Amino acid sequence: MKIAVLYICIGKYTVLWPEFYDSSRKYFFKKSQVHYFVFTDSDDFINSLCNELDVTCVKTKNYGWPGNTLFRFEMFLKIKSCLEQFDTIFFFNANTLFLSEINEDILPKSGELVVVEHFAIRNIDPILFEYDRNRRSTAYIPYGKEGSHYVQAGVIGGDAGTFLQMSQECAK
């Protein structure tokens, strides 16, 4: 199985890359072929990664905070044709660190995504979930329509088609 890992490494976040990369190579999908796409604004960082065969650097603009988060899906879609060559795509926040083995058994069924429940909002009344309550937003969720889980955007994964479709919707 071919798995693409998307990692945004802009500005000071480059200091987190070595630990992420080492822990991922040690614990993440050991039976699969994993390739890393690192989005960065640092030429020095790009030059330091050139020797890694399983890493592709993608030069990107630093949109600042919160732009680097808000425009992540646009960043991903810039390499859509590359990503379509993979079976599965995962995005991880820069501060992710793998502490134990993650195997293929967490892969979602076709058409589904893997997400992570937000640790700070676990086991609270859904009325307190921080949904977008702005009626003009395409992410609007009215009061009384709460779900049972609140997920964070720091880990998202799925088959390539589903992940890219989700990225296109989020980029809108």
Protein backbone atom coordinates (compact mmCIF):
# COMPACT_ATOMS: atom_id res chain seq x y z
CA MET A 1 0.00 0.00 0.00
CA LYS A 2 1.25 3.48 -0.87
CA ILE A 3 0.59 6.10 1.80
CA ALA A 4 1.17 9.85 1.47
CA VAL A 5 1.83 11.83 4.64
CA LEU A 6 1.21 15.57 4.43
CA TYR A 7 3.10 17.75 6.88
CA ILE A 8 3.11 21.56 7.11
CA CYS A 9 6.48 22.80 8.25
CA ILE A 10 6.39 26.58 7.92
CA GLY A 11 8.44 29.05 9.94
CA LYS A 12 9.57 27.83 13.35
CA TYR A 13 7.73 24.54 12.93
CA THR A 14 10.78 23.14 11.13
CA VAL A 15 12.25 22.31 14.56
CA LEU A 16 9.53 19.67 15.04
CA TRP A 17 10.25 17.76 11.83
CA PRO A 18 13.15 15.51 12.96
CA GLU A 19 11.22 13.96 15.86
CA PHE A 20 8.06 13.57 13.81
CA TYR A 21 9.94 11.95 10.94
CA ASP A 22 11.94 9.60 13.15
CA SER A 23 8.90 8.51 15.16
CA SER A 24 6.82 8.06 12.01
CA ARG A 25 9.43 5.89 10.32
CA LYS A 26 9.67 3.82 13.49
CA TYR A 27 5.95 3.35 14.21
CA PHE A 28 3.66 4.40 11.34
CA PHE A 29 2.43 1.75 8.89
CA LYS A 30 5.57 -0.36 8.87
CA LYS A 31 4.14 -2.75 6.24
CA SER A 32 3.38 0.01 3.73
CA GLN A 33 5.35 2.34 1.51
CA VAL A 34 5.12 5.78 3.18
CA HIS A 35 6.13 8.97 1.40
CA TYR A 36 6.24 12.39 3.07
CA PHE A 37 5.19 15.66 1.44
CA VAL A 38 6.58 18.53 3.49
CA PHE A 39 5.12 21.97 2.83
CA THR A 40 7.64 24.62 3.85
CA ASP A 41 8.75 28.17 3.19
CA SER A 42 12.38 27.50 4.17
CA ASP A 43 14.99 27.04 1.44
CA ASP A 44 17.52 25.89 4.06
CA PHE A 45 15.09 23.26 5.30
CA ILE A 46 14.41 22.08 1.74
CA ASN A 47 18.15 21.73 1.09
CA SER A 48 18.60 19.68 4.25
CA LEU A 49 15.90 17.20 3.19
CA CYS A 50 17.08 16.69 -0.38
CA ASN A 51 18.92 13.47 0.50
CA GLU A 52 15.85 11.68 1.88
CA LEU A 53 14.35 9.39 -0.76
CA ASP A 54 10.97 9.22 0.94
CA VAL A 55 10.49 13.00 1.28
CA THR A 56 9.25 15.53 -1.25
CA CYS A 57 9.49 19.19 -0.30
CA VAL A 58 6.80 21.53 -1.52
CA LYS A 59 7.77 25.18 -1.43
CA THR A 60 4.88 27.22 -0.11
CA LYS A 61 4.12 30.70 1.09
CA ASN A 62 3.94 31.52 4.80
CA TYR A 63 0.37 32.78 5.22
CA GLY A 64 0.92 33.45 8.94
CA TRP A 65 -1.52 32.54 11.67
CA PRO A 66 -4.25 31.42 11.12
CA GLY A 67 -3.65 31.39 7.35
CA ASN A 68 -1.31 28.39 7.40
CA THR A 69 -4.13 26.38 8.94
CA LEU A 70 -6.97 27.88 6.94
CA PHE A 71 -5.25 27.43 3.58
CA ARG A 72 -3.84 23.94 4.19
CA PHE A 73 -6.29 22.34 1.80
CA GLU A 74 -5.30 24.70 -0.99
CA MET A 75 -1.68 23.69 -0.32
CA PHE A 76 -2.60 20.00 -0.60
CA LEU A 77 -4.54 20.51 -3.82
CA LYS A 78 -1.52 22.13 -5.49
CA ILE A 79 -0.01 18.62 -5.63
CA LYS A 80 -3.29 16.81 -6.32
CA SER A 81 -1.89 14.96 -9.35
CA CYS A 82 0.95 13.56 -7.20
CA LEU A 83 -1.40 12.59 -4.38
CA GLU A 84 -3.74 10.74 -6.75
CA GLN A 85 -0.93 8.19 -7.20
CA PHE A 86 -1.32 7.03 -3.56
CA ASP A 87 -3.82 4.65 -2.00
CA THR A 88 -4.18 6.57 1.25
CA ILE A 89 -3.41 10.10 2.41
CA PHE A 90 -2.85 11.33 5.97
CA PHE A 91 -2.29 14.83 7.30
CA PHE A 92 -0.60 15.33 10.67
CA ASN A 93 -0.09 18.50 12.67
CA ALA A 94 3.56 19.46 13.07
CA ASN A 95 3.51 18.64 16.78
CA THR A 96 2.49 15.01 16.20
CA LEU A 97 4.76 12.38 17.69
CA PHE A 98 4.20 8.63 17.36
CA LEU A 99 4.77 6.74 20.60
CA SER A 100 3.69 3.26 19.57
CA GLU A 101 2.92 1.28 16.46
CA ILE A 102 0.10 2.43 14.17
CA ASN A 103 -0.99 -0.35 11.83
CA GLU A 104 -3.16 -0.65 8.77
CA ASP A 105 -6.10 -1.79 10.92
CA ILE A 106 -7.01 1.88 11.56
CA LEU A 107 -7.58 2.53 7.86
CA PRO A 108 -11.15 3.59 7.11
CA LYS A 109 -13.41 1.91 4.60
CA SER A 110 -13.59 3.46 1.16
CA GLY A 111 -15.44 6.77 1.33
CA GLU A 112 -14.71 7.31 5.03
CA LEU A 113 -12.12 9.38 6.88
CA VAL A 114 -10.04 8.78 10.01
CA VAL A 115 -10.20 11.68 12.45
CA VAL A 116 -9.24 12.15 16.09
CA GLU A 117 -11.65 13.19 18.81
CA HIS A 118 -10.57 16.49 20.36
CA PHE A 119 -8.96 15.71 23.71
CA ALA A 120 -10.11 18.94 25.41
CA ILE A 121 -13.76 18.51 24.48
CA ARG A 122 -14.14 14.87 25.34
CA ASN A 123 -17.02 13.82 27.60
CA ILE A 124 -18.68 17.23 27.75
CA ASP A 125 -22.23 18.23 26.88
CA PRO A 126 -22.46 18.56 23.06
CA ILE A 127 -24.19 21.93 23.49
CA LEU A 128 -20.72 23.22 24.46
CA PHE A 129 -19.01 21.99 21.28
CA GLU A 130 -17.34 24.85 19.45
CA TYR A 131 -19.27 24.47 16.20
CA ASP A 132 -19.51 27.40 13.82
CA ARG A 133 -22.82 29.05 14.75
CA ASN A 134 -22.58 31.74 12.04
CA ARG A 135 -25.57 31.19 9.73
CA ARG A 136 -23.61 32.58 6.75
CA SER A 137 -20.85 29.97 7.12
CA THR A 138 -20.87 26.79 5.03
CA ALA A 139 -19.67 25.08 8.24
CA TYR A 140 -22.74 26.33 10.15
CA ILE A 141 -24.29 23.89 12.62
CA PRO A 142 -27.34 25.24 14.44
CA TYR A 143 -27.92 24.69 18.15
CA GLY A 144 -29.86 21.49 18.65
CA LYS A 145 -28.02 19.73 15.80
CA GLU A 146 -25.02 18.70 17.85
CA GLY A 147 -23.14 15.52 17.10
CA SER A 148 -21.80 13.05 19.60
CA HIS A 149 -18.12 13.72 18.85
CA TYR A 150 -16.02 16.82 18.29
CA VAL A 151 -12.93 16.19 16.20
CA GLN A 152 -9.72 18.14 15.82
CA ALA A 153 -8.15 18.87 12.46
CA GLY A 154 -4.65 17.78 13.49
CA VAL A 155 -5.07 14.25 12.14
CA ILE A 156 -7.08 13.45 9.02
CA GLY A 157 -6.72 10.40 6.81
CA GLY A 158 -8.53 8.38 4.21
CA ASP A 159 -8.35 6.79 0.80
CA ALA A 160 -6.88 9.22 -1.72
CA GLY A 161 -10.16 9.95 -3.50
CA THR A 162 -12.09 10.66 -0.32
CA PHE A 163 -9.28 12.74 1.18
CA LEU A 164 -8.93 14.86 -1.98
CA GLN A 165 -12.71 15.32 -2.23
CA MET A 166 -12.76 16.48 1.40
CA SER A 167 -9.84 18.84 0.65
CA GLN A 168 -11.75 20.35 -2.27
CA GLU A 169 -14.82 20.94 -0.10
CA CYS A 170 -12.75 22.49 2.70
CA ALA A 171 -10.86 24.68 0.23
CA LYS A 172 -14.17 26.21 -0.84
